[in-house]
PDB file of N, CA and C in Angstrom:
ATOM      1  N   LEU A   1      15.586  -5.851  -5.968  1.00  0.00           N
ATOM      2  CA  LEU A   1      15.984  -6.815  -4.948  1.00  0.00           C
ATOM      3  C   LEU A   1      14.765  -7.494  -4.348  1.00  0.00           C
ATOM      4  N   ALA A   2      14.895  -8.755  -4.130  1.00  0.00           N
ATOM      5  CA  ALA A   2      13.797  -9.499  -3.512  1.00  0.00           C
ATOM      6  C   ALA A   2      13.785  -9.240  -2.015  1.00  0.00           C
ATOM      7  N   ARG A   3      12.619  -9.362  -1.450  1.00  0.00           N
ATOM      8  CA  ARG A   3      12.491  -9.190  -0.006  1.00  0.00           C
ATOM      9  C   ARG A   3      13.141 -10.387   0.671  1.00  0.00           C
ATOM     10  N   ASN A   4      13.920 -10.141   1.697  1.00  0.00           N
ATOM     11  CA  ASN A   4      14.611 -11.217   2.398  1.00  0.00           C
ATOM     12  C   ASN A   4      13.670 -12.045   3.258  1.00  0.00           C
ATOM     13  N   ASP A   5      12.775 -11.389   3.978  1.00  0.00           N
ATOM     14  CA  ASP A   5      11.868 -12.074   4.887  1.00  0.00           C
ATOM     15  C   ASP A   5      10.443 -11.676   4.534  1.00  0.00           C
ATOM     16  N   PRO A   6       9.657 -12.618   4.012  1.00  0.00           N
ATOM     17  CA  PRO A   6       8.302 -12.255   3.585  1.00  0.00           C
ATOM     18  C   PRO A   6       7.403 -11.803   4.729  1.00  0.00           C
ATOM     19  N   ASP A   7       7.762 -12.088   5.969  1.00  0.00           N
ATOM     20  CA  ASP A   7       6.944 -11.656   7.100  1.00  0.00           C
ATOM     21  C   ASP A   7       7.406 -10.323   7.673  1.00  0.00           C
ATOM     22  N   ASP A   8       8.497  -9.774   7.141  1.00  0.00           N
ATOM     23  CA  ASP A   8       9.031  -8.511   7.654  1.00  0.00           C
ATOM     24  C   ASP A   8       8.357  -7.348   6.945  1.00  0.00           C
ATOM     25  N   VAL A   9       7.505  -6.653   7.662  1.00  0.00           N
ATOM     26  CA  VAL A   9       6.841  -5.481   7.093  1.00  0.00           C
ATOM     27  C   VAL A   9       7.293  -4.236   7.848  1.00  0.00           C
ATOM     28  N   SER A  10       8.525  -4.252   8.345  1.00  0.00           N
ATOM     29  CA  SER A  10       9.046  -3.106   9.089  1.00  0.00           C
ATOM     30  C   SER A  10       9.104  -1.861   8.216  1.00  0.00           C
ATOM     31  N   SER A  11       9.171  -2.039   6.897  1.00  0.00           N
ATOM     32  CA  SER A  11       9.194  -0.886   6.008  1.00  0.00           C
ATOM     33  C   SER A  11       7.865  -0.136   6.030  1.00  0.00           C
ATOM     34  N   LEU A  12       6.829  -0.737   6.628  1.00  0.00           N
ATOM     35  CA  LEU A  12       5.557  -0.024   6.779  1.00  0.00           C
ATOM     36  C   LEU A  12       5.732   1.245   7.595  1.00  0.00           C
ATOM     37  N   HIS A  13       6.702   1.235   8.486  1.00  0.00           N
ATOM     38  CA  HIS A  13       6.938   2.405   9.327  1.00  0.00           C
ATOM     39  C   HIS A  13       7.367   3.608   8.494  1.00  0.00           C
ATOM     40  N   HIS A  14       7.800   3.350   7.260  1.00  0.00           N
ATOM     41  CA  HIS A  14       8.279   4.417   6.396  1.00  0.00           C
ATOM     42  C   HIS A  14       7.229   4.882   5.401  1.00  0.00           C
ATOM     43  N   LEU A  15       6.051   4.252   5.406  1.00  0.00           N
ATOM     44  CA  LEU A  15       4.991   4.683   4.497  1.00  0.00           C
ATOM     45  C   LEU A  15       4.349   5.965   5.016  1.00  0.00           C
ATOM     46  N   THR A  16       3.996   6.829   4.092  1.00  0.00           N
ATOM     47  CA  THR A  16       3.297   8.061   4.473  1.00  0.00           C
ATOM     48  C   THR A  16       1.832   7.737   4.770  1.00  0.00           C
ATOM     49  N   ARG A  17       1.156   8.671   5.356  1.00  0.00           N
ATOM     50  CA  ARG A  17      -0.270   8.507   5.635  1.00  0.00           C
ATOM     51  C   ARG A  17      -1.045   8.273   4.331  1.00  0.00           C
ATOM     52  N   CYS A  18      -0.705   9.029   3.296  1.00  0.00           N
ATOM     53  CA  CYS A  18      -1.386   8.873   2.005  1.00  0.00           C
ATOM     54  C   CYS A  18      -1.141   7.489   1.414  1.00  0.00           C
ATOM     55  N   GLU A  19       0.086   7.000   1.511  1.00  0.00           N
ATOM     56  CA  GLU A  19       0.394   5.660   1.012  1.00  0.00           C
ATOM     57  C   GLU A  19      -0.380   4.603   1.794  1.00  0.00           C
ATOM     58  N   ASN A  20      -0.416   4.754   3.117  1.00  0.00           N
ATOM     59  CA  ASN A  20      -1.198   3.835   3.951  1.00  0.00           C
ATOM     60  C   ASN A  20      -2.660   3.849   3.540  1.00  0.00           C
ATOM     61  N   ASP A  21      -3.212   5.040   3.347  1.00  0.00           N
ATOM     62  CA  ASP A  21      -4.621   5.171   2.990  1.00  0.00           C
ATOM     63  C   ASP A  21      -4.911   4.486   1.658  1.00  0.00           C
ATOM     64  N   VAL A  22      -4.059   4.713   0.673  1.00  0.00           N
ATOM     65  CA  VAL A  22      -4.264   4.110  -0.644  1.00  0.00           C
ATOM     66  C   VAL A  22      -4.243   2.581  -0.532  1.00  0.00           C
ATOM     67  N   LEU A  23      -3.286   2.040   0.204  1.00  0.00           N
ATOM     68  CA  LEU A  23      -3.229   0.586   0.360  1.00  0.00           C
ATOM     69  C   LEU A  23      -4.469   0.061   1.073  1.00  0.00           C
ATOM     70  N   THR A  24      -4.907   0.755   2.094  1.00  0.00           N
ATOM     71  CA  THR A  24      -6.106   0.331   2.815  1.00  0.00           C
ATOM     72  C   THR A  24      -7.308   0.282   1.889  1.00  0.00           C
ATOM     73  N   PHE A  25      -7.490   1.331   1.086  1.00  0.00           N
ATOM     74  CA  PHE A  25      -8.609   1.355   0.141  1.00  0.00           C
ATOM     75  C   PHE A  25      -8.485   0.243  -0.907  1.00  0.00           C
ATOM     76  N   LEU A  26      -7.264   0.031  -1.414  1.00  0.00           N
ATOM     77  CA  LEU A  26      -7.055  -1.040  -2.392  1.00  0.00           C
ATOM     78  C   LEU A  26      -7.405  -2.399  -1.792  1.00  0.00           C
ATOM     79  N   PHE A  27      -6.974  -2.627  -0.561  1.00  0.00           N
ATOM     80  CA  PHE A  27      -7.226  -3.905   0.094  1.00  0.00           C
ATOM     81  C   PHE A  27      -8.708  -4.100   0.406  1.00  0.00           C
ATOM     82  N   ASN A  28      -9.454  -3.016   0.412  1.00  0.00           N
ATOM     83  CA  ASN A  28     -10.900  -3.106   0.621  1.00  0.00           C
ATOM     84  C   ASN A  28     -11.667  -3.154  -0.704  1.00  0.00           C
ATOM     85  N   GLY A  29     -10.926  -3.359  -1.791  1.00  0.00           N
ATOM     86  CA  GLY A  29     -11.560  -3.603  -3.080  1.00  0.00           C
ATOM     87  C   GLY A  29     -11.819  -2.395  -3.952  1.00  0.00           C
ATOM     88  N   MET A  30     -11.326  -1.241  -3.562  1.00  0.00           N
ATOM     89  CA  MET A  30     -11.556  -0.041  -4.375  1.00  0.00           C
ATOM     90  C   MET A  30     -10.538   0.042  -5.512  1.00  0.00           C
ATOM     91  N   SER A  31     -10.960   0.626  -6.613  1.00  0.00           N
ATOM     92  CA  SER A  31     -10.057   0.861  -7.738  1.00  0.00           C
ATOM     93  C   SER A  31      -9.314   2.180  -7.530  1.00  0.00           C
ATOM     94  N   LEU A  32      -8.265   2.379  -8.319  1.00  0.00           N
ATOM     95  CA  LEU A  32      -7.530   3.642  -8.238  1.00  0.00           C
ATOM     96  C   LEU A  32      -8.458   4.815  -8.558  1.00  0.00           C
ATOM     97  N   ARG A  33      -9.342   4.628  -9.536  1.00  0.00           N
ATOM     98  CA  ARG A  33     -10.290   5.688  -9.915  1.00  0.00           C
ATOM     99  C   ARG A  33     -11.212   6.030  -8.743  1.00  0.00           C
ATOM    100  N   GLU A  34     -11.728   5.005  -8.068  1.00  0.00           N
ATOM    101  CA  GLU A  34     -12.622   5.230  -6.928  1.00  0.00           C
ATOM    102  C   GLU A  34     -11.890   5.945  -5.784  1.00  0.00           C
ATOM    103  N   ILE A  35     -10.649   5.537  -5.544  1.00  0.00           N
ATOM    104  CA  ILE A  35      -9.862   6.180  -4.486  1.00  0.00           C
ATOM    105  C   ILE A  35      -9.612   7.641  -4.840  1.00  0.00           C
ATOM    106  N   ALA A  36      -9.275   7.891  -6.100  1.00  0.00           N
ATOM    107  CA  ALA A  36      -9.018   9.265  -6.550  1.00  0.00           C
ATOM    108  C   ALA A  36     -10.257  10.143  -6.350  1.00  0.00           C
ATOM    109  N   GLU A  37     -11.412   9.611  -6.711  1.00  0.00           N
ATOM    110  CA  GLU A  37     -12.644  10.386  -6.533  1.00  0.00           C
ATOM    111  C   GLU A  37     -12.922  10.637  -5.058  1.00  0.00           C
ATOM    112  N   LEU A  38     -12.749   9.634  -4.234  1.00  0.00           N
ATOM    113  CA  LEU A  38     -12.990   9.759  -2.798  1.00  0.00           C
ATOM    114  C   LEU A  38     -12.053  10.783  -2.153  1.00  0.00           C
ATOM    115  N   GLN A  39     -10.795  10.762  -2.577  1.00  0.00           N
ATOM    116  CA  GLN A  39      -9.779  11.631  -1.995  1.00  0.00           C
ATOM    117  C   GLN A  39      -9.691  12.997  -2.684  1.00  0.00           C
ATOM    118  N   HIS A  40     -10.485  13.182  -3.735  1.00  0.00           N
ATOM    119  CA  HIS A  40     -10.435  14.427  -4.527  1.00  0.00           C
ATOM    120  C   HIS A  40      -9.020  14.679  -5.042  1.00  0.00           C
ATOM    121  N   ARG A  41      -8.432  13.615  -5.584  1.00  0.00           N
ATOM    122  CA  ARG A  41      -7.091  13.665  -6.162  1.00  0.00           C
ATOM    123  C   ARG A  41      -7.153  13.070  -7.571  1.00  0.00           C
ATOM    124  N   SER A  42      -6.114  13.281  -8.342  1.00  0.00           N
ATOM    125  CA  SER A  42      -6.060  12.681  -9.673  1.00  0.00           C
ATOM    126  C   SER A  42      -5.664  11.206  -9.547  1.00  0.00           C
ATOM    127  N   ILE A  43      -6.030  10.445 -10.572  1.00  0.00           N
ATOM    128  CA  ILE A  43      -5.633   9.034 -10.588  1.00  0.00           C
ATOM    129  C   ILE A  43      -4.112   8.936 -10.598  1.00  0.00           C
ATOM    130  N   LYS A  44      -3.469   9.861 -11.271  1.00  0.00           N
ATOM    131  CA  LYS A  44      -2.002   9.855 -11.347  1.00  0.00           C
ATOM    132  C   LYS A  44      -1.386  10.010  -9.952  1.00  0.00           C
ATOM    133  N   THR A  45      -1.964  10.871  -9.123  1.00  0.00           N
ATOM    134  CA  THR A  45      -1.465  11.058  -7.756  1.00  0.00           C
ATOM    135  C   THR A  45      -1.656   9.790  -6.933  1.00  0.00           C
ATOM    136  N   ILE A  46      -2.833   9.183  -7.040  1.00  0.00           N
ATOM    137  CA  ILE A  46      -3.115   7.961  -6.293  1.00  0.00           C
ATOM    138  C   ILE A  46      -2.191   6.844  -6.755  1.00  0.00           C
ATOM    139  N   SER A  47      -1.984   6.754  -8.053  1.00  0.00           N
ATOM    140  CA  SER A  47      -1.080   5.757  -8.604  1.00  0.00           C
ATOM    141  C   SER A  47       0.350   5.966  -8.090  1.00  0.00           C
ATOM    142  N   ALA A  48       0.760   7.216  -7.986  1.00  0.00           N
ATOM    143  CA  ALA A  48       2.100   7.523  -7.468  1.00  0.00           C
ATOM    144  C   ALA A  48       2.233   7.067  -6.012  1.00  0.00           C
ATOM    145  N   HIS A  49       1.190   7.285  -5.199  1.00  0.00           N
ATOM    146  CA  HIS A  49       1.225   6.824  -3.805  1.00  0.00           C
ATOM    147  C   HIS A  49       1.346   5.308  -3.755  1.00  0.00           C
ATOM    148  N   LYS A  50       0.593   4.633  -4.610  1.00  0.00           N
ATOM    149  CA  LYS A  50       0.658   3.163  -4.655  1.00  0.00           C
ATOM    150  C   LYS A  50       2.054   2.703  -5.070  1.00  0.00           C
ATOM    151  N   CYS A  51       2.597   3.304  -6.114  1.00  0.00           N
ATOM    152  CA  CYS A  51       3.931   2.927  -6.602  1.00  0.00           C
ATOM    153  C   CYS A  51       5.007   3.190  -5.546  1.00  0.00           C
ATOM    154  N   ASN A  52       4.898   4.320  -4.861  1.00  0.00           N
ATOM    155  CA  ASN A  52       5.872   4.622  -3.808  1.00  0.00           C
ATOM    156  C   ASN A  52       5.786   3.596  -2.683  1.00  0.00           C
ATOM    157  N   ALA A  53       4.569   3.218  -2.299  1.00  0.00           N
ATOM    158  CA  ALA A  53       4.389   2.211  -1.250  1.00  0.00           C
ATOM    159  C   ALA A  53       4.976   0.876  -1.700  1.00  0.00           C
ATOM    160  N   MET A  54       4.726   0.505  -2.935  1.00  0.00           N
ATOM    161  CA  MET A  54       5.257  -0.767  -3.450  1.00  0.00           C
ATOM    162  C   MET A  54       6.784  -0.757  -3.460  1.00  0.00           C
ATOM    163  N   ARG A  55       7.361   0.372  -3.844  1.00  0.00           N
ATOM    164  CA  ARG A  55       8.825   0.473  -3.843  1.00  0.00           C
ATOM    165  C   ARG A  55       9.372   0.306  -2.431  1.00  0.00           C
ATOM    166  N   LYS A  56       8.742   0.991  -1.462  1.00  0.00           N
ATOM    167  CA  LYS A  56       9.189   0.906  -0.072  1.00  0.00           C
ATOM    168  C   LYS A  56       9.013  -0.501   0.494  1.00  0.00           C
ATOM    169  N   LEU A  57       7.979  -1.201   0.053  1.00  0.00           N
ATOM    170  CA  LEU A  57       7.717  -2.560   0.518  1.00  0.00           C
ATOM    171  C   LEU A  57       8.499  -3.604  -0.288  1.00  0.00           C
ATOM    172  N   GLN A  58       9.204  -3.141  -1.295  1.00  0.00           N
ATOM    173  CA  GLN A  58      10.027  -3.988  -2.154  1.00  0.00           C
ATOM    174  C   GLN A  58       9.202  -5.073  -2.843  1.00  0.00           C
ATOM    175  N   VAL A  59       8.059  -4.675  -3.380  1.00  0.00           N
ATOM    176  CA  VAL A  59       7.260  -5.590  -4.184  1.00  0.00           C
ATOM    177  C   VAL A  59       7.215  -5.072  -5.613  1.00  0.00           C
ATOM    178  N   LYS A  60       7.141  -5.998  -6.562  1.00  0.00           N
ATOM    179  CA  LYS A  60       7.238  -5.638  -7.971  1.00  0.00           C
ATOM    180  C   LYS A  60       5.899  -5.536  -8.680  1.00  0.00           C
ATOM    181  N   ASN A  61       4.863  -6.154  -8.117  1.00  0.00           N
ATOM    182  CA  ASN A  61       3.577  -6.167  -8.813  1.00  0.00           C
ATOM    183  C   ASN A  61       2.430  -6.297  -7.814  1.00  0.00           C
ATOM    184  N   ASP A  62       1.212  -6.196  -8.336  1.00  0.00           N
ATOM    185  CA  ASP A  62       0.029  -6.253  -7.477  1.00  0.00           C
ATOM    186  C   ASP A  62      -0.088  -7.590  -6.754  1.00  0.00           C
ATOM    187  N   SER A  63       0.307  -8.650  -7.421  1.00  0.00           N
ATOM    188  CA  SER A  63       0.225  -9.976  -6.803  1.00  0.00           C
ATOM    189  C   SER A  63       1.086 -10.033  -5.537  1.00  0.00           C
ATOM    190  N   GLU A  64       2.298  -9.519  -5.625  1.00  0.00           N
ATOM    191  CA  GLU A  64       3.176  -9.493  -4.451  1.00  0.00           C
ATOM    192  C   GLU A  64       2.620  -8.559  -3.378  1.00  0.00           C
ATOM    193  N   LEU A  65       2.075  -7.431  -3.799  1.00  0.00           N
ATOM    194  CA  LEU A  65       1.502  -6.479  -2.850  1.00  0.00           C
ATOM    195  C   LEU A  65       0.354  -7.124  -2.088  1.00  0.00           C
ATOM    196  N   PHE A  66      -0.553  -7.768  -2.809  1.00  0.00           N
ATOM    197  CA  PHE A  66      -1.716  -8.359  -2.155  1.00  0.00           C
ATOM    198  C   PHE A  66      -1.351  -9.588  -1.335  1.00  0.00           C
ATOM    199  N   SER A  67      -0.193 -10.199  -1.617  1.00  0.00           N
ATOM    200  CA  SER A  67       0.255 -11.323  -0.779  1.00  0.00           C
ATOM    201  C   SER A  67       0.658 -10.817   0.609  1.00  0.00           C
ATOM    202  N   LEU A  68       0.942  -9.522   0.718  1.00  0.00           N
ATOM    203  CA  LEU A  68       1.297  -8.917   2.007  1.00  0.00           C
ATOM    204  C   LEU A  68       0.082  -8.341   2.723  1.00  0.00           C
ATOM    205  N   ARG A  69      -1.080  -8.482   2.113  1.00  0.00           N
ATOM    206  CA  ARG A  69      -2.289  -7.845   2.646  1.00  0.00           C
ATOM    207  C   ARG A  69      -2.513  -8.139   4.124  1.00  0.00           C
ATOM    208  N   LYS A  70      -2.401  -9.394   4.522  1.00  0.00           N
ATOM    209  CA  LYS A  70      -2.673  -9.768   5.916  1.00  0.00           C
ATOM    210  C   LYS A  70      -1.714  -9.057   6.869  1.00  0.00           C
ATOM    211  N   GLN A  71      -0.410  -9.113   6.560  1.00  0.00           N
ATOM    212  CA  GLN A  71       0.581  -8.480   7.440  1.00  0.00           C
ATOM    213  C   GLN A  71       0.403  -6.966   7.478  1.00  0.00           C
ATOM    214  N   ILE A  72       0.132  -6.369   6.320  1.00  0.00           N
ATOM    215  CA  ILE A  72      -0.028  -4.925   6.255  1.00  0.00           C
ATOM    216  C   ILE A  72      -1.277  -4.502   7.021  1.00  0.00           C
ATOM    217  N   SER A  73      -2.364  -5.223   6.828  1.00  0.00           N
ATOM    218  CA  SER A  73      -3.610  -4.892   7.518  1.00  0.00           C
ATOM    219  C   SER A  73      -3.441  -5.006   9.031  1.00  0.00           C
ATOM    220  N   GLN A  74      -2.717  -6.011   9.495  1.00  0.00           N
ATOM    221  CA  GLN A  74      -2.466  -6.163  10.932  1.00  0.00           C
ATOM    222  C   GLN A  74      -1.632  -5.005  11.450  1.00  0.00           C
ATOM    223  N   GLN A  75      -0.650  -4.580  10.678  1.00  0.00           N
ATOM    224  CA  GLN A  75       0.198  -3.472  11.095  1.00  0.00           C
ATOM    225  C   GLN A  75      -0.610  -2.187  11.194  1.00  0.00           C
ATOM    226  N   PHE A  76      -1.522  -1.954  10.208  1.00  0.00           N
ATOM    227  CA  PHE A  76      -2.373  -0.768  10.250  1.00  0.00           C
ATOM    228  C   PHE A  76      -3.270  -0.808  11.475  1.00  0.00           C
ATOM    229  N   ALA A  77      -3.775  -1.992  11.805  1.00  0.00           N
ATOM    230  CA  ALA A  77      -4.701  -2.150  12.931  1.00  0.00           C
ATOM    231  C   ALA A  77      -4.024  -1.843  14.264  1.00  0.00           C
ATOM    232  N   CYS A  78      -2.726  -2.015  14.325  1.00  0.00           N
ATOM    233  CA  CYS A  78      -1.984  -1.760  15.571  1.00  0.00           C
ATOM    234  C   CYS A  78      -1.855  -0.284  15.851  1.00  0.00           C
ATOM    235  N   GLY A  79      -2.184   0.538  14.893  1.00  0.00           N
ATOM    236  CA  GLY A  79      -2.161   1.983  15.096  1.00  0.00           C
ATOM    237  C   GLY A  79      -0.781   2.547  15.273  1.00  0.00           C
ATOM    238  N   ASP A  80       0.164   2.003  14.530  1.00  0.00           N
ATOM    239  CA  ASP A  80       1.560   2.435  14.589  1.00  0.00           C
ATOM    240  C   ASP A  80       1.646   3.886  14.865  1.00  0.00           C
TER     241      ASP A  80
END
């Protein structure tokens, strides 16, 4: 299903801390491999966090995910 309102990031409230962290690192230019090494986790685990976040945000690909970067980053900054 397509997202109804591209400015609605209310689903961010449902992201786990790990999902938030992975998105933050991705938005700061890190690769999944770099995040995995930093977090002492497998790439598969980091990828799963990313995929779960994308599912919750109702985005289908990286392009759609990064189009939400500004809204997501602002939401993280608010310290939900």
